[in-house]
Amino acid sequence: MTINITKTLLLIIDVQNDFCPGGSLAVKDGDGVIKPINTLASSFAEKGGRIAASQDWHPAGHISFASSHNRKIGDIIDTTIVKNQILWPDHCVQGTMGAEFHADLNRTFKKSIIRKGACKVLDSYSAFFENDRLTPTGLDEWIRSKYIDTVILCGLATDYCVFYSAMDSINLGLKTIIADDAVRAVDYPPNSLENALKTMKDAGVIFMSSAKILDELI
């Protein structure tokens, strides 16, 4: 297949300090995504491609924090808006170092940042919609305005924010590709990665290495 860079968005998902080693919600080998992402971003920038990045941006006391409910990390609750909310450690709190993008990440996306999860009573995994599955972030509208028909995803984490973003992307009618060497998973609860991969592949999401993606760019 060939990938027309003028109609393609490189979408970097949540490569933030709290999701990388040493962070409060660290993904194993999370910083391992940075080198292939930087290679992709450099090529896109050189060739005039479009790049955007999502950023978890939670207020203190966010509904997804176990500490907000005096509950244990990993507990699952129903909120007034969504069911089966997993409770996480406090992470990516607005204005903290944990919410900042990793220092080694290529910042060519700095004018196109999609902040999500900023509503105190609503979590957000996808870069397209909040977890009520109704409230848009504005990304889809922006994509349409740029005549983009293909989205390449990379970042953290494969079975959560990358997964939800990929499923929204393909359900919105966009060709959706995951750079499979530029993602890492939480795999919590057990088998969440396996289930996410199967669901994405069954839906038509394409998995390619970053090197293969670069070879296919025109």
C-alpha atoms as a PDB file:
ATOM      1  CA  MET A   1       0.000   0.000   0.000  1.00  0.00           C
ATOM      2  CA  THR A   2       1.020   3.608  -0.428  1.00  0.00           C
ATOM      3  CA  ILE A   3       0.388   6.424   2.052  1.00  0.00           C
ATOM      4  CA  ASN A   4      -0.235   9.919   0.681  1.00  0.00           C
ATOM      5  CA  ILE A   5       1.442  12.165   3.255  1.00  0.00           C
ATOM      6  CA  THR A   6      -0.630  15.176   2.223  1.00  0.00           C
ATOM      7  CA  LYS A   7      -3.795  13.353   3.374  1.00  0.00           C
ATOM      8  CA  THR A   8      -2.310  11.678   6.437  1.00  0.00           C
ATOM      9  CA  LEU A   9      -2.097  12.686  10.085  1.00  0.00           C
ATOM     10  CA  LEU A  10       0.573  11.338  12.411  1.00  0.00           C
ATOM     11  CA  LEU A  11      -1.232  11.221  15.766  1.00  0.00           C
ATOM     12  CA  ILE A  12       0.991  10.838  18.839  1.00  0.00           C
ATOM     13  CA  ILE A  13      -0.943   9.598  21.863  1.00  0.00           C
ATOM     14  CA  ASP A  14      -0.072  10.652  25.430  1.00  0.00           C
ATOM     15  CA  VAL A  15       3.729  10.345  25.499  1.00  0.00           C
ATOM     16  CA  GLN A  16       3.807  12.076  28.891  1.00  0.00           C
ATOM     17  CA  ASN A  17       6.081  11.721  31.896  1.00  0.00           C
ATOM     18  CA  ASP A  18       3.494   9.980  34.075  1.00  0.00           C
ATOM     19  CA  PHE A  19       3.119   7.199  31.492  1.00  0.00           C
ATOM     20  CA  CYS A  20       6.872   6.687  31.113  1.00  0.00           C
ATOM     21  CA  PRO A  21       9.286   4.946  33.519  1.00  0.00           C
ATOM     22  CA  GLY A  22       9.341   6.802  36.839  1.00  0.00           C
ATOM     23  CA  GLY A  23       5.837   8.211  36.318  1.00  0.00           C
ATOM     24  CA  SER A  24       2.837   7.597  38.552  1.00  0.00           C
ATOM     25  CA  LEU A  25       1.119   5.415  35.927  1.00  0.00           C
ATOM     26  CA  ALA A  26       4.168   4.161  34.083  1.00  0.00           C
ATOM     27  CA  VAL A  27       3.770   1.823  31.123  1.00  0.00           C
ATOM     28  CA  LYS A  28       6.504  -0.810  30.961  1.00  0.00           C
ATOM     29  CA  ASP A  29       9.139   0.395  28.477  1.00  0.00           C
ATOM     30  CA  GLY A  30       6.899   3.388  27.778  1.00  0.00           C
ATOM     31  CA  ASP A  31       9.814   5.541  26.694  1.00  0.00           C
ATOM     32  CA  GLY A  32      10.683   2.871  24.119  1.00  0.00           C
ATOM     33  CA  VAL A  33       8.156   4.505  21.800  1.00  0.00           C
ATOM     34  CA  ILE A  34      10.096   7.738  21.578  1.00  0.00           C
ATOM     35  CA  LYS A  35      12.810   6.768  19.096  1.00  0.00           C
ATOM     36  CA  PRO A  36      10.476   5.404  16.385  1.00  0.00           C
ATOM     37  CA  ILE A  37       8.008   8.259  16.964  1.00  0.00           C
ATOM     38  CA  ASN A  38      10.781  10.824  16.538  1.00  0.00           C
ATOM     39  CA  THR A  39      11.871   9.168  13.304  1.00  0.00           C
ATOM     40  CA  LEU A  40       8.317   9.282  11.973  1.00  0.00           C
ATOM     41  CA  ALA A  41       7.812  12.867  13.129  1.00  0.00           C
ATOM     42  CA  SER A  42      11.060  14.037  11.544  1.00  0.00           C
ATOM     43  CA  SER A  43      10.099  12.508   8.215  1.00  0.00           C
ATOM     44  CA  PHE A  44       6.595  13.984   8.353  1.00  0.00           C
ATOM     45  CA  ALA A  45       7.982  17.417   9.203  1.00  0.00           C
ATOM     46  CA  GLU A  46      10.531  17.279   6.388  1.00  0.00           C
ATOM     47  CA  LYS A  47       7.887  16.248   3.842  1.00  0.00           C
ATOM     48  CA  GLY A  48       5.211  18.691   4.970  1.00  0.00           C
ATOM     49  CA  GLY A  49       2.980  16.136   6.670  1.00  0.00           C
ATOM     50  CA  ARG A  50       0.621  16.941   9.536  1.00  0.00           C
ATOM     51  CA  ILE A  51       1.396  15.957  13.129  1.00  0.00           C
ATOM     52  CA  ALA A  52      -0.757  16.230  16.248  1.00  0.00           C
ATOM     53  CA  ALA A  53      -0.457  14.923  19.793  1.00  0.00           C
ATOM     54  CA  SER A  54      -2.960  14.171  22.525  1.00  0.00           C
ATOM     55  CA  GLN A  55      -2.277  15.091  26.138  1.00  0.00           C
ATOM     56  CA  ASP A  56      -4.069  13.773  29.221  1.00  0.00           C
ATOM     57  CA  TRP A  57      -4.864  16.942  31.163  1.00  0.00           C
ATOM     58  CA  HIS A  58      -6.701  16.127  34.378  1.00  0.00           C
ATOM     59  CA  PRO A  59      -7.709  18.568  37.120  1.00  0.00           C
ATOM     60  CA  ALA A  60      -6.808  17.638  40.696  1.00  0.00           C
ATOM     61  CA  GLY A  61      -9.422  15.343  42.201  1.00  0.00           C
ATOM     62  CA  HIS A  62     -10.341  13.877  38.829  1.00  0.00           C
ATOM     63  CA  ILE A  63     -13.041  11.214  38.805  1.00  0.00           C
ATOM     64  CA  SER A  64     -10.626   8.577  37.459  1.00  0.00           C
ATOM     65  CA  PHE A  65      -8.303   8.885  40.470  1.00  0.00           C
ATOM     66  CA  ALA A  66      -8.661   6.241  43.177  1.00  0.00           C
ATOM     67  CA  SER A  67      -7.707   8.918  45.724  1.00  0.00           C
ATOM     68  CA  SER A  68     -10.833  10.898  44.770  1.00  0.00           C
ATOM     69  CA  HIS A  69     -13.043   8.088  46.084  1.00  0.00           C
ATOM     70  CA  ASN A  70     -10.912   6.690  48.930  1.00  0.00           C
ATOM     71  CA  ARG A  71     -10.737   3.494  46.908  1.00  0.00           C
ATOM     72  CA  LYS A  72      -7.937   1.201  45.771  1.00  0.00           C
ATOM     73  CA  ILE A  73      -6.127   1.605  42.464  1.00  0.00           C
ATOM     74  CA  GLY A  74      -7.700  -0.841  40.035  1.00  0.00           C
ATOM     75  CA  ASP A  75     -11.169  -0.717  41.585  1.00  0.00           C
ATOM     76  CA  ILE A  76     -14.012  -0.275  39.102  1.00  0.00           C
ATOM     77  CA  ILE A  77     -16.964   2.011  39.810  1.00  0.00           C
ATOM     78  CA  ASP A  78     -19.992   3.412  38.024  1.00  0.00           C
ATOM     79  CA  THR A  79     -20.127   7.195  37.830  1.00  0.00           C
ATOM     80  CA  THR A  80     -23.142   9.350  37.072  1.00  0.00           C
ATOM     81  CA  ILE A  81     -21.976   9.545  33.452  1.00  0.00           C
ATOM     82  CA  VAL A  82     -20.210   6.263  32.612  1.00  0.00           C
ATOM     83  CA  LYS A  83     -20.161   2.693  33.846  1.00  0.00           C
ATOM     84  CA  ASN A  84     -17.094   0.611  34.659  1.00  0.00           C
ATOM     85  CA  GLN A  85     -14.704   3.466  35.374  1.00  0.00           C
ATOM     86  CA  ILE A  86     -11.302   2.015  36.290  1.00  0.00           C
ATOM     87  CA  LEU A  87      -9.653   3.929  39.112  1.00  0.00           C
ATOM     88  CA  TRP A  88      -6.051   4.911  38.469  1.00  0.00           C
ATOM     89  CA  PRO A  89      -3.296   6.579  40.464  1.00  0.00           C
ATOM     90  CA  ASP A  90      -3.312  10.370  40.289  1.00  0.00           C
ATOM     91  CA  HIS A  91      -1.700  11.123  36.937  1.00  0.00           C
ATOM     92  CA  CYS A  92      -1.228  13.863  34.347  1.00  0.00           C
ATOM     93  CA  VAL A  93      -2.544  16.567  36.649  1.00  0.00           C
ATOM     94  CA  GLN A  94      -2.725  19.909  34.873  1.00  0.00           C
ATOM     95  CA  GLY A  95       0.418  21.986  35.261  1.00  0.00           C
ATOM     96  CA  THR A  96       2.550  19.225  36.800  1.00  0.00           C
ATOM     97  CA  MET A  97       5.708  17.635  35.415  1.00  0.00           C
ATOM     98  CA  GLY A  98       3.841  14.349  35.136  1.00  0.00           C
ATOM     99  CA  ALA A  99       1.497  15.896  32.586  1.00  0.00           C
ATOM    100  CA  GLU A 100       4.306  17.265  30.426  1.00  0.00           C
ATOM    101  CA  PHE A 101       5.423  15.518  27.279  1.00  0.00           C
ATOM    102  CA  HIS A 102       8.597  13.458  27.699  1.00  0.00           C
ATOM    103  CA  ALA A 103      11.638  15.688  27.263  1.00  0.00           C
ATOM    104  CA  ASP A 104      13.088  13.499  24.491  1.00  0.00           C
ATOM    105  CA  LEU A 105       9.956  13.600  22.345  1.00  0.00           C
ATOM    106  CA  ASN A 106      10.145  15.493  19.048  1.00  0.00           C
ATOM    107  CA  ARG A 107       7.933  18.593  19.512  1.00  0.00           C
ATOM    108  CA  THR A 108       7.029  19.290  15.897  1.00  0.00           C
ATOM    109  CA  PHE A 109       3.374  18.944  16.952  1.00  0.00           C
ATOM    110  CA  LYS A 110       3.513  21.865  19.410  1.00  0.00           C
ATOM    111  CA  LYS A 111       0.796  23.868  17.607  1.00  0.00           C
ATOM    112  CA  SER A 112      -1.582  20.885  17.354  1.00  0.00           C
ATOM    113  CA  ILE A 113      -2.207  19.496  20.847  1.00  0.00           C
ATOM    114  CA  ILE A 114      -5.504  17.834  21.792  1.00  0.00           C
ATOM    115  CA  ARG A 115      -5.989  18.040  25.557  1.00  0.00           C
ATOM    116  CA  LYS A 116      -8.417  15.476  26.955  1.00  0.00           C
ATOM    117  CA  GLY A 117      -9.819  14.449  30.318  1.00  0.00           C
ATOM    118  CA  ALA A 118      -9.963  18.064  31.468  1.00  0.00           C
ATOM    119  CA  CYS A 119     -13.526  17.701  32.769  1.00  0.00           C
ATOM    120  CA  LYS A 120     -13.374  16.742  36.449  1.00  0.00           C
ATOM    121  CA  VAL A 121     -16.331  14.335  36.261  1.00  0.00           C
ATOM    122  CA  LEU A 122     -15.506  12.643  32.940  1.00  0.00           C
ATOM    123  CA  ASP A 123     -12.506  10.626  31.848  1.00  0.00           C
ATOM    124  CA  SER A 124     -11.204  10.468  28.305  1.00  0.00           C
ATOM    125  CA  TYR A 125      -9.142   7.768  26.626  1.00  0.00           C
ATOM    126  CA  SER A 126      -9.719   8.583  22.964  1.00  0.00           C
ATOM    127  CA  ALA A 127      -8.234  11.598  21.248  1.00  0.00           C
ATOM    128  CA  PHE A 128     -11.585  11.955  19.439  1.00  0.00           C
ATOM    129  CA  PHE A 129     -14.243  11.641  22.167  1.00  0.00           C
ATOM    130  CA  GLU A 130     -14.557  11.805  25.921  1.00  0.00           C
ATOM    131  CA  ASN A 131     -15.615   8.580  27.655  1.00  0.00           C
ATOM    132  CA  ASP A 132     -19.306   9.427  27.471  1.00  0.00           C
ATOM    133  CA  ARG A 133     -18.710   8.623  23.766  1.00  0.00           C
ATOM    134  CA  LEU A 134     -20.676  11.759  22.883  1.00  0.00           C
ATOM    135  CA  THR A 135     -18.493  14.758  23.696  1.00  0.00           C
ATOM    136  CA  PRO A 136     -16.019  15.463  20.859  1.00  0.00           C
ATOM    137  CA  THR A 137     -12.541  16.833  21.434  1.00  0.00           C
ATOM    138  CA  GLY A 138     -12.629  18.701  18.118  1.00  0.00           C
ATOM    139  CA  LEU A 139     -10.054  16.441  16.459  1.00  0.00           C
ATOM    140  CA  ASP A 140     -12.438  14.943  13.908  1.00  0.00           C
ATOM    141  CA  GLU A 141     -13.666  18.369  12.801  1.00  0.00           C
ATOM    142  CA  TRP A 142     -10.070  19.565  12.424  1.00  0.00           C
ATOM    143  CA  ILE A 143      -9.146  16.435  10.426  1.00  0.00           C
ATOM    144  CA  ARG A 144     -12.051  16.980   8.054  1.00  0.00           C
ATOM    145  CA  SER A 145     -11.076  20.619   7.552  1.00  0.00           C
ATOM    146  CA  LYS A 146      -7.611  19.489   6.402  1.00  0.00           C
ATOM    147  CA  TYR A 147      -8.964  16.821   3.997  1.00  0.00           C
ATOM    148  CA  ILE A 148      -7.157  14.076   5.880  1.00  0.00           C
ATOM    149  CA  ASP A 149      -8.325  10.519   5.188  1.00  0.00           C
ATOM    150  CA  THR A 150      -5.621   8.476   6.955  1.00  0.00           C
ATOM    151  CA  VAL A 151      -4.473   8.470  10.581  1.00  0.00           C
ATOM    152  CA  ILE A 152      -1.250   6.864  11.802  1.00  0.00           C
ATOM    153  CA  LEU A 153      -1.278   6.279  15.551  1.00  0.00           C
ATOM    154  CA  CYS A 154       1.594   5.791  17.958  1.00  0.00           C
ATOM    155  CA  GLY A 155       2.206   6.300  21.686  1.00  0.00           C
ATOM    156  CA  LEU A 156       0.676   5.119  24.959  1.00  0.00           C
ATOM    157  CA  ALA A 157      -0.998   2.887  25.792  1.00  0.00           C
ATOM    158  CA  THR A 158      -1.898   0.289  23.164  1.00  0.00           C
ATOM    159  CA  ASP A 159      -4.857  -1.148  25.084  1.00  0.00           C
ATOM    160  CA  TYR A 160      -6.331   2.137  26.304  1.00  0.00           C
ATOM    161  CA  CYS A 161      -5.804   5.530  24.702  1.00  0.00           C
ATOM    162  CA  VAL A 162      -4.295   4.181  21.467  1.00  0.00           C
ATOM    163  CA  PHE A 163      -7.043   1.543  21.263  1.00  0.00           C
ATOM    164  CA  TYR A 164      -9.939   3.944  21.820  1.00  0.00           C
ATOM    165  CA  SER A 165      -8.434   6.494  19.436  1.00  0.00           C
ATOM    166  CA  ALA A 166      -7.919   3.851  16.743  1.00  0.00           C
ATOM    167  CA  MET A 167     -11.455   2.514  17.077  1.00  0.00           C
ATOM    168  CA  ASP A 168     -12.935   6.002  16.875  1.00  0.00           C
ATOM    169  CA  SER A 169     -10.746   6.791  13.883  1.00  0.00           C
ATOM    170  CA  ILE A 170     -11.846   3.755  11.897  1.00  0.00           C
ATOM    171  CA  ASN A 171     -15.484   4.161  12.927  1.00  0.00           C
ATOM    172  CA  LEU A 172     -15.346   7.721  11.623  1.00  0.00           C
ATOM    173  CA  GLY A 173     -14.371   6.329   8.231  1.00  0.00           C
ATOM    174  CA  LEU A 174     -10.655   7.078   8.333  1.00  0.00           C
ATOM    175  CA  LYS A 175      -8.008   4.641   7.180  1.00  0.00           C
ATOM    176  CA  THR A 176      -6.291   3.781  10.445  1.00  0.00           C
ATOM    177  CA  ILE A 177      -2.741   2.523  10.879  1.00  0.00           C
ATOM    178  CA  ILE A 178      -0.839   1.746  14.074  1.00  0.00           C
ATOM    179  CA  ALA A 179       2.949   1.938  14.073  1.00  0.00           C
ATOM    180  CA  ASP A 180       3.360  -1.298  16.007  1.00  0.00           C
ATOM    181  CA  ASP A 181       6.923  -0.661  17.173  1.00  0.00           C
ATOM    182  CA  ALA A 182       5.911   2.786  18.473  1.00  0.00           C
ATOM    183  CA  VAL A 183       3.262   1.679  20.996  1.00  0.00           C
ATOM    184  CA  ARG A 184       3.399  -0.031  24.389  1.00  0.00           C
ATOM    185  CA  ALA A 185       0.625  -1.533  26.531  1.00  0.00           C
ATOM    186  CA  VAL A 186      -0.552  -1.501  30.131  1.00  0.00           C
ATOM    187  CA  ASP A 187      -2.133  -4.975  29.775  1.00  0.00           C
ATOM    188  CA  TYR A 188      -4.372  -4.372  32.791  1.00  0.00           C
ATOM    189  CA  PRO A 189      -6.579  -6.153  33.594  1.00  0.00           C
ATOM    190  CA  PRO A 190      -4.857  -9.270  32.246  1.00  0.00           C
ATOM    191  CA  ASN A 191      -5.525  -9.973  28.561  1.00  0.00           C
ATOM    192  CA  SER A 192      -6.566  -6.392  27.858  1.00  0.00           C
ATOM    193  CA  LEU A 193      -3.799  -6.125  25.257  1.00  0.00           C
ATOM    194  CA  GLU A 194      -4.803  -9.342  23.515  1.00  0.00           C
ATOM    195  CA  ASN A 195      -8.443  -8.281  23.457  1.00  0.00           C
ATOM    196  CA  ALA A 196      -7.593  -4.805  22.175  1.00  0.00           C
ATOM    197  CA  LEU A 197      -5.396  -6.131  19.363  1.00  0.00           C
ATOM    198  CA  LYS A 198      -8.047  -8.589  18.227  1.00  0.00           C
ATOM    199  CA  THR A 199     -10.788  -5.957  18.289  1.00  0.00           C
ATOM    200  CA  MET A 200      -8.695  -3.490  16.290  1.00  0.00           C
ATOM    201  CA  LYS A 201      -7.617  -6.048  13.703  1.00  0.00           C
ATOM    202  CA  ASP A 202     -11.183  -7.325  13.294  1.00  0.00           C
ATOM    203  CA  ALA A 203     -12.310  -3.733  12.716  1.00  0.00           C
ATOM    204  CA  GLY A 204      -9.755  -3.236   9.952  1.00  0.00           C
ATOM    205  CA  VAL A 205      -7.002  -1.324  11.743  1.00  0.00           C
ATOM    206  CA  ILE A 206      -3.707  -1.888   9.933  1.00  0.00           C
ATOM    207  CA  PHE A 207      -0.503  -2.649  11.867  1.00  0.00           C
ATOM    208  CA  MET A 208       2.828  -1.707  10.315  1.00  0.00           C
ATOM    209  CA  SER A 209       6.328  -1.017  11.565  1.00  0.00           C
ATOM    210  CA  SER A 210       7.485   2.584  11.515  1.00  0.00           C
ATOM    211  CA  ALA A 211      10.138   1.621   8.926  1.00  0.00           C
ATOM    212  CA  LYS A 212       7.470   0.126   6.653  1.00  0.00           C
ATOM    213  CA  ILE A 213       5.332   3.242   7.048  1.00  0.00           C
ATOM    214  CA  LEU A 214       8.255   5.422   5.963  1.00  0.00           C
ATOM    215  CA  ASP A 215       8.808   3.180   2.945  1.00  0.00           C
ATOM    216  CA  GLU A 216       5.173   3.583   1.911  1.00  0.00           C
ATOM    217  CA  LEU A 217       4.989   7.389   2.208  1.00  0.00           C
ATOM    218  CA  ILE A 218       4.560   9.283  -1.049  1.00  0.00           C
END
